[in-house]
Amino acid sequence: MKINKTKWYRIDYAVLNAVLESQIDLFEEPKRKLVTNKKSRELASNLETSDLKDLKKDIKENNVRFVFEVINYLNQKTQKEFRANNSTTNRLINGRIAEGYKLEDFKKVIDIKVRQWLARPEMKLYLRPSTLFSPTNFENYLNESNNAKPQLPKGNIARQPIILDFEAGEED
């Protein structure tokens, strides 16, 4: 006996009508956006290709300055010598710029992590662009409390020696 593998579905027309009505509302909004897209296409077609190249060059120069400023600040705070022309560093910082972060955000992350990690030798090595500016870490570091106390290394706790005086005896 052969089994029919055809799937059978039931259509709930009340749900279908509700979905279609909500989609009609969604279609009205993009029409407005299409008008602005047409205008932007017209403006872009009016621009000469040299103007577009100049615009891209200006944006790239601004990002290079921004990356240089961030890396320079990181180098000052950590006493390290990271290069601003490193392709990975540029990619990480430009990615955060594209997400809308400002120079103050980068400086805040650097300040927070320097305060927490600089005194700890096992964490000091993580004060680097790949850790600080990665997509997964950056927002978490930025949202950390600015008032968080730096964690002291476990080995540098000043301990006072205990002095036992057996000559004094016990008091009654």
N, C-alpha and C. Protein backbone atom coordinates (compact mmCIF):
# COMPACT_ATOMS: atom_id res chain seq x y z
N MET A 1 0.84 -1.17 0.00
CA MET A 1 0.00 0.00 0.00
C MET A 1 0.89 1.23 0.00
N LYS A 2 0.62 2.16 -0.87
CA LYS A 2 1.39 3.39 -1.02
C LYS A 2 0.80 4.47 -0.11
N ILE A 3 1.71 5.21 0.59
CA ILE A 3 1.27 6.26 1.50
C ILE A 3 1.30 7.59 0.78
N ASN A 4 0.24 8.35 0.92
CA ASN A 4 0.16 9.68 0.33
C ASN A 4 0.91 10.66 1.23
N LYS A 5 1.99 11.25 0.71
CA LYS A 5 2.83 12.15 1.52
C LYS A 5 2.42 13.61 1.40
N THR A 6 1.26 13.87 0.83
CA THR A 6 0.80 15.24 0.67
C THR A 6 0.38 15.80 2.03
N LYS A 7 0.83 17.00 2.34
CA LYS A 7 0.46 17.65 3.59
C LYS A 7 -0.85 18.41 3.37
N TRP A 8 -1.72 18.34 4.34
CA TRP A 8 -2.99 19.04 4.26
C TRP A 8 -3.01 20.11 5.34
N TYR A 9 -3.43 21.29 4.97
CA TYR A 9 -3.50 22.41 5.89
C TYR A 9 -4.91 22.97 5.90
N ARG A 10 -5.26 23.55 7.01
CA ARG A 10 -6.53 24.28 7.09
C ARG A 10 -6.22 25.76 7.13
N ILE A 11 -7.02 26.53 6.49
CA ILE A 11 -6.83 27.97 6.48
C ILE A 11 -7.82 28.60 7.43
N ASP A 12 -7.28 29.38 8.37
CA ASP A 12 -8.13 30.13 9.28
C ASP A 12 -8.29 31.52 8.67
N TYR A 13 -9.44 31.73 8.05
CA TYR A 13 -9.65 32.96 7.29
C TYR A 13 -9.69 34.20 8.17
N ALA A 14 -10.10 34.08 9.41
CA ALA A 14 -10.10 35.23 10.31
C ALA A 14 -8.67 35.70 10.56
N VAL A 15 -7.76 34.76 10.78
CA VAL A 15 -6.36 35.11 10.99
C VAL A 15 -5.75 35.66 9.70
N LEU A 16 -6.09 35.03 8.57
CA LEU A 16 -5.58 35.49 7.28
C LEU A 16 -6.00 36.92 7.00
N ASN A 17 -7.25 37.26 7.26
CA ASN A 17 -7.72 38.64 7.04
C ASN A 17 -7.00 39.63 7.95
N ALA A 18 -6.77 39.24 9.20
CA ALA A 18 -6.06 40.12 10.12
C ALA A 18 -4.63 40.38 9.65
N VAL A 19 -3.97 39.33 9.18
CA VAL A 19 -2.60 39.47 8.68
C VAL A 19 -2.57 40.36 7.44
N LEU A 20 -3.50 40.14 6.54
CA LEU A 20 -3.54 40.95 5.32
C LEU A 20 -3.82 42.42 5.61
N GLU A 21 -4.69 42.70 6.56
CA GLU A 21 -4.98 44.09 6.93
C GLU A 21 -3.75 44.76 7.53
N SER A 22 -3.00 44.04 8.34
CA SER A 22 -1.79 44.63 8.92
C SER A 22 -0.73 44.88 7.84
N GLN A 23 -0.70 44.02 6.83
CA GLN A 23 0.28 44.21 5.75
C GLN A 23 -0.09 45.38 4.87
N ILE A 24 -1.35 45.68 4.74
CA ILE A 24 -1.77 46.83 3.95
C ILE A 24 -1.23 48.10 4.58
N ASP A 25 -1.27 48.18 5.92
CA ASP A 25 -0.73 49.35 6.61
C ASP A 25 0.78 49.46 6.37
N LEU A 26 1.45 48.33 6.32
CA LEU A 26 2.89 48.36 6.10
C LEU A 26 3.24 48.81 4.69
N PHE A 27 2.38 48.50 3.71
CA PHE A 27 2.65 48.89 2.34
C PHE A 27 2.51 50.39 2.12
N GLU A 28 1.68 51.06 2.89
CA GLU A 28 1.48 52.49 2.71
C GLU A 28 2.71 53.28 3.13
N GLU A 29 3.40 52.87 4.18
CA GLU A 29 4.57 53.59 4.66
C GLU A 29 5.75 53.53 3.68
N PRO A 30 6.08 52.38 3.10
CA PRO A 30 7.21 52.35 2.18
C PRO A 30 7.02 53.22 0.94
N LYS A 31 5.77 53.52 0.57
CA LYS A 31 5.57 54.39 -0.59
C LYS A 31 6.18 55.76 -0.34
N ARG A 32 6.06 56.24 0.89
CA ARG A 32 6.68 57.52 1.23
C ARG A 32 8.19 57.42 1.13
N LYS A 33 8.73 56.29 1.59
CA LYS A 33 10.17 56.10 1.53
C LYS A 33 10.66 56.00 0.10
N LEU A 34 9.84 55.40 -0.77
CA LEU A 34 10.24 55.28 -2.17
C LEU A 34 10.41 56.64 -2.81
N VAL A 35 9.58 57.59 -2.42
CA VAL A 35 9.70 58.93 -2.97
C VAL A 35 11.05 59.52 -2.58
N THR A 36 11.45 59.39 -1.33
CA THR A 36 12.74 59.93 -0.90
C THR A 36 13.88 59.18 -1.55
N ASN A 37 13.72 57.87 -1.76
CA ASN A 37 14.75 57.11 -2.44
C ASN A 37 14.92 57.58 -3.89
N LYS A 38 13.79 57.91 -4.55
CA LYS A 38 13.87 58.41 -5.92
C LYS A 38 14.60 59.75 -5.94
N LYS A 39 14.29 60.60 -4.97
CA LYS A 39 14.96 61.90 -4.90
C LYS A 39 16.46 61.71 -4.67
N SER A 40 16.80 60.81 -3.78
CA SER A 40 18.22 60.60 -3.51
C SER A 40 18.93 60.01 -4.73
N ARG A 41 18.23 59.15 -5.48
CA ARG A 41 18.83 58.61 -6.71
C ARG A 41 19.05 59.71 -7.74
N GLU A 42 18.08 60.62 -7.83
CA GLU A 42 18.23 61.73 -8.77
C GLU A 42 19.42 62.60 -8.39
N LEU A 43 19.55 62.88 -7.10
CA LEU A 43 20.68 63.69 -6.64
C LEU A 43 22.00 62.97 -6.89
N ALA A 44 22.02 61.68 -6.62
CA ALA A 44 23.24 60.91 -6.83
C ALA A 44 23.61 60.86 -8.30
N SER A 45 22.60 60.77 -9.18
CA SER A 45 22.92 60.73 -10.62
C SER A 45 23.42 62.08 -11.11
N ASN A 46 22.97 63.16 -10.44
CA ASN A 46 23.44 64.49 -10.83
C ASN A 46 24.87 64.75 -10.39
N LEU A 47 25.31 64.07 -9.35
CA LEU A 47 26.68 64.25 -8.90
C LEU A 47 27.64 63.57 -9.87
N GLU A 48 28.73 64.19 -10.09
CA GLU A 48 29.74 63.58 -10.93
C GLU A 48 30.47 62.51 -10.13
N THR A 49 31.07 61.59 -10.82
CA THR A 49 31.78 60.52 -10.13
C THR A 49 32.97 61.06 -9.34
N SER A 50 33.57 62.14 -9.80
CA SER A 50 34.68 62.71 -9.05
C SER A 50 34.20 63.28 -7.72
N ASP A 51 32.99 63.84 -7.71
CA ASP A 51 32.43 64.34 -6.46
C ASP A 51 32.20 63.21 -5.47
N LEU A 52 31.72 62.08 -5.97
CA LEU A 52 31.51 60.92 -5.11
C LEU A 52 32.83 60.40 -4.56
N LYS A 53 33.84 60.38 -5.40
CA LYS A 53 35.16 59.94 -4.95
C LYS A 53 35.70 60.88 -3.88
N ASP A 54 35.50 62.18 -4.07
CA ASP A 54 35.95 63.16 -3.08
C ASP A 54 35.20 62.97 -1.76
N LEU A 55 33.91 62.69 -1.85
CA LEU A 55 33.10 62.48 -0.65
C LEU A 55 33.58 61.24 0.11
N LYS A 56 33.82 60.16 -0.62
CA LYS A 56 34.32 58.93 0.02
C LYS A 56 35.70 59.17 0.63
N LYS A 57 36.52 59.95 -0.06
CA LYS A 57 37.87 60.25 0.45
C LYS A 57 37.78 61.05 1.74
N ASP A 58 36.87 62.04 1.79
CA ASP A 58 36.70 62.84 2.99
C ASP A 58 36.23 61.98 4.17
N ILE A 59 35.29 61.08 3.90
CA ILE A 59 34.80 60.20 4.96
C ILE A 59 35.92 59.31 5.46
N LYS A 60 36.71 58.77 4.55
CA LYS A 60 37.82 57.90 4.94
C LYS A 60 38.86 58.67 5.74
N GLU A 61 39.16 59.91 5.34
CA GLU A 61 40.13 60.72 6.08
C GLU A 61 39.63 61.04 7.49
N ASN A 62 38.33 61.32 7.61
CA ASN A 62 37.76 61.58 8.93
C ASN A 62 37.86 60.35 9.82
N ASN A 63 37.59 59.17 9.26
CA ASN A 63 37.71 57.93 10.03
C ASN A 63 39.15 57.66 10.41
N VAL A 64 40.10 57.96 9.53
CA VAL A 64 41.52 57.75 9.85
C VAL A 64 41.92 58.64 11.02
N ARG A 65 41.48 59.88 11.00
CA ARG A 65 41.77 60.80 12.12
C ARG A 65 41.13 60.29 13.41
N PHE A 66 39.91 59.81 13.30
CA PHE A 66 39.18 59.30 14.45
C PHE A 66 39.92 58.09 15.04
N VAL A 67 40.29 57.15 14.18
CA VAL A 67 41.02 55.95 14.62
C VAL A 67 42.33 56.35 15.26
N PHE A 68 43.04 57.29 14.64
CA PHE A 68 44.32 57.74 15.19
C PHE A 68 44.12 58.35 16.59
N GLU A 69 43.07 59.13 16.76
CA GLU A 69 42.81 59.76 18.05
C GLU A 69 42.46 58.72 19.13
N VAL A 70 41.67 57.73 18.77
CA VAL A 70 41.30 56.67 19.72
C VAL A 70 42.54 55.87 20.12
N ILE A 71 43.34 55.46 19.15
CA ILE A 71 44.53 54.65 19.44
C ILE A 71 45.55 55.47 20.21
N ASN A 72 45.69 56.73 19.88
CA ASN A 72 46.61 57.60 20.62
C ASN A 72 46.19 57.70 22.08
N TYR A 73 44.90 57.84 22.34
CA TYR A 73 44.38 57.92 23.71
C TYR A 73 44.64 56.60 24.45
N LEU A 74 44.40 55.48 23.76
CA LEU A 74 44.65 54.16 24.36
C LEU A 74 46.13 54.00 24.69
N ASN A 75 47.00 54.42 23.79
CA ASN A 75 48.44 54.32 24.03
C ASN A 75 48.88 55.17 25.22
N GLN A 76 48.31 56.36 25.35
CA GLN A 76 48.65 57.22 26.48
C GLN A 76 48.25 56.59 27.80
N LYS A 77 47.05 56.01 27.83
CA LYS A 77 46.53 55.45 29.08
C LYS A 77 47.22 54.14 29.47
N THR A 78 47.62 53.34 28.48
CA THR A 78 48.17 52.02 28.77
C THR A 78 49.69 51.96 28.68
N GLN A 79 50.33 53.03 28.24
CA GLN A 79 51.78 53.06 28.01
C GLN A 79 52.20 51.95 27.05
N LYS A 80 51.39 51.73 26.01
CA LYS A 80 51.70 50.76 24.97
C LYS A 80 51.86 51.48 23.65
N GLU A 81 52.17 50.75 22.60
CA GLU A 81 52.41 51.37 21.29
C GLU A 81 51.62 50.66 20.21
N PHE A 82 50.30 50.76 20.27
CA PHE A 82 49.46 50.20 19.22
C PHE A 82 49.52 51.11 18.01
N ARG A 83 49.42 50.52 16.82
CA ARG A 83 49.48 51.29 15.58
C ARG A 83 48.07 51.60 15.09
N ALA A 84 47.88 52.82 14.66
CA ALA A 84 46.56 53.24 14.16
C ALA A 84 46.32 52.75 12.74
N ASN A 85 47.37 52.34 12.04
CA ASN A 85 47.18 51.91 10.65
C ASN A 85 47.00 50.40 10.53
N ASN A 86 46.81 49.70 11.63
CA ASN A 86 46.56 48.27 11.62
C ASN A 86 45.17 48.01 11.04
N SER A 87 45.07 47.09 10.09
CA SER A 87 43.79 46.86 9.41
C SER A 87 42.72 46.31 10.36
N THR A 88 43.10 45.44 11.28
CA THR A 88 42.13 44.89 12.23
C THR A 88 41.61 45.97 13.17
N THR A 89 42.51 46.80 13.65
CA THR A 89 42.11 47.89 14.53
C THR A 89 41.18 48.85 13.79
N ASN A 90 41.52 49.20 12.57
CA ASN A 90 40.66 50.07 11.76
C ASN A 90 39.29 49.46 11.56
N ARG A 91 39.24 48.17 11.27
CA ARG A 91 37.97 47.49 11.04
C ARG A 91 37.11 47.51 12.30
N LEU A 92 37.72 47.25 13.45
CA LEU A 92 36.97 47.23 14.71
C LEU A 92 36.42 48.61 15.06
N ILE A 93 37.27 49.63 14.96
CA ILE A 93 36.83 50.98 15.32
C ILE A 93 35.81 51.50 14.31
N ASN A 94 36.03 51.26 13.03
CA ASN A 94 35.07 51.70 12.02
C ASN A 94 33.73 50.98 12.18
N GLY A 95 33.77 49.74 12.64
CA GLY A 95 32.52 49.03 12.92
C GLY A 95 31.73 49.68 14.03
N ARG A 96 32.43 50.13 15.08
CA ARG A 96 31.73 50.79 16.18
C ARG A 96 31.25 52.19 15.75
N ILE A 97 32.01 52.85 14.87
CA ILE A 97 31.58 54.15 14.34
C ILE A 97 30.29 53.95 13.55
N ALA A 98 30.24 52.89 12.75
CA ALA A 98 29.05 52.61 11.95
C ALA A 98 27.84 52.33 12.83
N GLU A 99 28.08 51.82 14.03
CA GLU A 99 26.98 51.56 14.98
C GLU A 99 26.55 52.84 15.69
N GLY A 100 27.25 53.95 15.47
CA GLY A 100 26.83 55.24 16.02
C GLY A 100 27.57 55.68 17.26
N TYR A 101 28.62 55.00 17.65
CA TYR A 101 29.37 55.40 18.84
C TYR A 101 30.26 56.61 18.54
N LYS A 102 30.45 57.43 19.55
CA LYS A 102 31.22 58.67 19.44
C LYS A 102 32.58 58.52 20.12
N LEU A 103 33.43 59.51 19.95
CA LEU A 103 34.76 59.50 20.54
C LEU A 103 34.68 59.39 22.06
N GLU A 104 33.71 60.06 22.67
CA GLU A 104 33.55 60.01 24.12
C GLU A 104 33.27 58.59 24.59
N ASP A 105 32.53 57.81 23.79
CA ASP A 105 32.24 56.43 24.15
C ASP A 105 33.52 55.60 24.16
N PHE A 106 34.36 55.79 23.16
CA PHE A 106 35.63 55.07 23.11
C PHE A 106 36.50 55.43 24.31
N LYS A 107 36.57 56.72 24.62
CA LYS A 107 37.39 57.15 25.75
C LYS A 107 36.84 56.62 27.07
N LYS A 108 35.52 56.55 27.19
CA LYS A 108 34.92 56.04 28.42
C LYS A 108 35.26 54.57 28.62
N VAL A 109 35.17 53.77 27.54
CA VAL A 109 35.52 52.36 27.63
C VAL A 109 36.98 52.20 28.02
N ILE A 110 37.85 52.98 27.40
CA ILE A 110 39.28 52.91 27.71
C ILE A 110 39.51 53.27 29.17
N ASP A 111 38.90 54.35 29.64
CA ASP A 111 39.08 54.79 31.03
C ASP A 111 38.60 53.73 32.03
N ILE A 112 37.43 53.16 31.78
CA ILE A 112 36.87 52.15 32.68
C ILE A 112 37.80 50.94 32.77
N LYS A 113 38.22 50.44 31.63
CA LYS A 113 39.02 49.22 31.63
C LYS A 113 40.44 49.48 32.12
N VAL A 114 41.00 50.65 31.86
CA VAL A 114 42.33 50.96 32.39
C VAL A 114 42.27 51.00 33.91
N ARG A 115 41.22 51.61 34.45
CA ARG A 115 41.08 51.70 35.90
C ARG A 115 40.93 50.30 36.52
N GLN A 116 40.23 49.41 35.83
CA GLN A 116 39.99 48.08 36.37
C GLN A 116 41.17 47.13 36.14
N TRP A 117 41.86 47.24 35.01
CA TRP A 117 42.80 46.20 34.61
C TRP A 117 44.27 46.59 34.68
N LEU A 118 44.60 47.86 34.72
CA LEU A 118 46.00 48.26 34.60
C LEU A 118 46.85 47.73 35.75
N ALA A 119 46.32 47.67 36.95
CA ALA A 119 47.08 47.22 38.11
C ALA A 119 47.15 45.70 38.22
N ARG A 120 46.39 45.00 37.39
CA ARG A 120 46.36 43.54 37.44
C ARG A 120 47.15 42.95 36.28
N PRO A 121 48.30 42.36 36.56
CA PRO A 121 49.15 41.83 35.48
C PRO A 121 48.45 40.81 34.59
N GLU A 122 47.58 39.98 35.16
CA GLU A 122 46.91 38.96 34.35
C GLU A 122 45.85 39.57 33.43
N MET A 123 45.36 40.77 33.75
CA MET A 123 44.35 41.42 32.92
C MET A 123 44.93 42.53 32.06
N LYS A 124 46.10 43.01 32.40
CA LYS A 124 46.72 44.12 31.68
C LYS A 124 46.93 43.80 30.20
N LEU A 125 47.19 42.53 29.90
CA LEU A 125 47.44 42.16 28.52
C LEU A 125 46.18 42.27 27.66
N TYR A 126 45.00 42.36 28.29
CA TYR A 126 43.75 42.50 27.54
C TYR A 126 43.41 43.96 27.22
N LEU A 127 44.25 44.88 27.63
CA LEU A 127 44.05 46.29 27.28
C LEU A 127 44.59 46.49 25.87
N ARG A 128 43.84 46.00 24.91
CA ARG A 128 44.24 46.05 23.50
C ARG A 128 43.00 46.29 22.66
N PRO A 129 43.17 46.82 21.46
CA PRO A 129 42.00 47.14 20.62
C PRO A 129 41.11 45.95 20.31
N SER A 130 41.69 44.78 20.10
CA SER A 130 40.87 43.62 19.75
C SER A 130 39.91 43.23 20.87
N THR A 131 40.28 43.47 22.10
CA THR A 131 39.40 43.17 23.23
C THR A 131 38.44 44.33 23.50
N LEU A 132 38.97 45.53 23.55
CA LEU A 132 38.15 46.68 23.94
C LEU A 132 37.09 47.05 22.91
N PHE A 133 37.42 46.92 21.62
CA PHE A 133 36.53 47.42 20.57
C PHE A 133 35.81 46.33 19.80
N SER A 134 35.85 45.10 20.29
CA SER A 134 35.13 44.02 19.59
C SER A 134 33.63 44.25 19.73
N PRO A 135 32.86 43.79 18.76
CA PRO A 135 31.41 44.04 18.80
C PRO A 135 30.73 43.48 20.04
N THR A 136 31.19 42.34 20.52
CA THR A 136 30.53 41.73 21.67
C THR A 136 30.91 42.41 22.98
N ASN A 137 32.11 42.95 23.07
CA ASN A 137 32.57 43.52 24.34
C ASN A 137 32.27 45.01 24.49
N PHE A 138 32.34 45.76 23.40
CA PHE A 138 32.33 47.21 23.49
C PHE A 138 31.11 47.74 24.23
N GLU A 139 29.93 47.30 23.84
CA GLU A 139 28.72 47.81 24.48
C GLU A 139 28.66 47.41 25.95
N ASN A 140 29.09 46.18 26.24
CA ASN A 140 29.10 45.74 27.64
C ASN A 140 30.05 46.59 28.47
N TYR A 141 31.23 46.86 27.96
CA TYR A 141 32.19 47.69 28.68
C TYR A 141 31.66 49.11 28.85
N LEU A 142 31.01 49.63 27.82
CA LEU A 142 30.49 50.99 27.86
C LEU A 142 29.40 51.13 28.93
N ASN A 143 28.62 50.09 29.12
CA ASN A 143 27.51 50.14 30.08
C ASN A 143 27.90 49.75 31.49
N GLU A 144 29.16 49.40 31.70
CA GLU A 144 29.59 49.09 33.05
C GLU A 144 29.55 50.35 33.90
N SER A 145 29.35 50.15 35.16
CA SER A 145 29.27 51.28 36.08
C SER A 145 30.59 52.03 36.10
N ASN A 146 30.50 53.33 36.00
CA ASN A 146 31.69 54.17 36.05
C ASN A 146 32.24 54.24 37.46
N ASN A 147 31.40 53.92 38.45
CA ASN A 147 31.82 53.99 39.84
C ASN A 147 32.35 52.67 40.37
N ALA A 148 32.49 51.68 39.48
CA ALA A 148 32.97 50.38 39.92
C ALA A 148 34.39 50.52 40.45
N LYS A 149 34.63 49.89 41.59
CA LYS A 149 35.95 49.97 42.20
C LYS A 149 36.90 49.06 41.43
N PRO A 150 38.13 49.50 41.24
CA PRO A 150 39.07 48.63 40.55
C PRO A 150 39.36 47.41 41.41
N GLN A 151 39.50 46.28 40.74
CA GLN A 151 39.79 45.06 41.46
C GLN A 151 41.29 44.98 41.70
N LEU A 152 41.66 44.81 42.95
CA LEU A 152 43.07 44.73 43.30
C LEU A 152 43.59 43.32 43.05
N PRO A 153 44.81 43.22 42.63
CA PRO A 153 45.36 41.89 42.44
C PRO A 153 45.46 41.16 43.77
N LYS A 154 45.28 39.86 43.76
CA LYS A 154 45.24 39.08 44.98
C LYS A 154 46.60 39.02 45.66
N GLY A 155 47.68 39.04 44.90
CA GLY A 155 49.00 38.89 45.47
C GLY A 155 49.56 40.14 46.12
N ASN A 156 49.01 41.31 45.86
CA ASN A 156 49.58 42.56 46.36
C ASN A 156 48.87 43.08 47.60
N ILE A 157 48.16 42.26 48.29
CA ILE A 157 47.46 42.72 49.50
C ILE A 157 48.49 42.84 50.61
N ALA A 158 48.52 44.02 51.23
CA ALA A 158 49.48 44.26 52.31
C ALA A 158 49.01 43.52 53.56
N ARG A 159 49.83 42.60 54.02
CA ARG A 159 49.48 41.81 55.19
C ARG A 159 50.38 42.18 56.35
N GLN A 160 49.77 42.33 57.50
CA GLN A 160 50.52 42.65 58.71
C GLN A 160 50.82 41.33 59.43
N PRO A 161 52.04 41.15 59.84
CA PRO A 161 52.36 39.90 60.53
C PRO A 161 51.67 39.85 61.90
N ILE A 162 51.29 38.67 62.28
CA ILE A 162 50.66 38.47 63.58
C ILE A 162 51.77 38.23 64.60
N ILE A 163 51.74 38.99 65.66
CA ILE A 163 52.76 38.87 66.70
C ILE A 163 52.12 38.21 67.92
N LEU A 164 52.66 37.08 68.31
CA LEU A 164 52.17 36.36 69.48
C LEU A 164 53.13 36.61 70.64
N ASP A 165 52.59 37.06 71.74
CA ASP A 165 53.40 37.32 72.93
C ASP A 165 52.98 36.34 74.01
N PHE A 166 53.77 35.29 74.19
CA PHE A 166 53.44 34.26 75.18
C PHE A 166 53.87 34.67 76.59
N GLU A 167 54.65 35.70 76.71
CA GLU A 167 55.14 36.17 78.01
C GLU A 167 54.04 36.89 78.79
N ALA A 168 53.08 37.49 78.07
CA ALA A 168 52.06 38.30 78.74
C ALA A 168 51.10 37.47 79.56
N GLY A 169 50.79 36.27 79.12
CA GLY A 169 49.88 35.42 79.87
C GLY A 169 48.43 35.82 79.64
N GLU A 170 47.55 35.18 80.38
CA GLU A 170 46.13 35.47 80.22
C GLU A 170 45.65 36.37 81.34
N GLU A 171 44.68 37.17 81.03
CA GLU A 171 44.08 38.04 82.04
C GLU A 171 42.91 37.33 82.68
N ASP A 172 42.80 37.46 84.00
CA ASP A 172 41.67 36.82 84.70
C ASP A 172 40.54 37.77 84.92
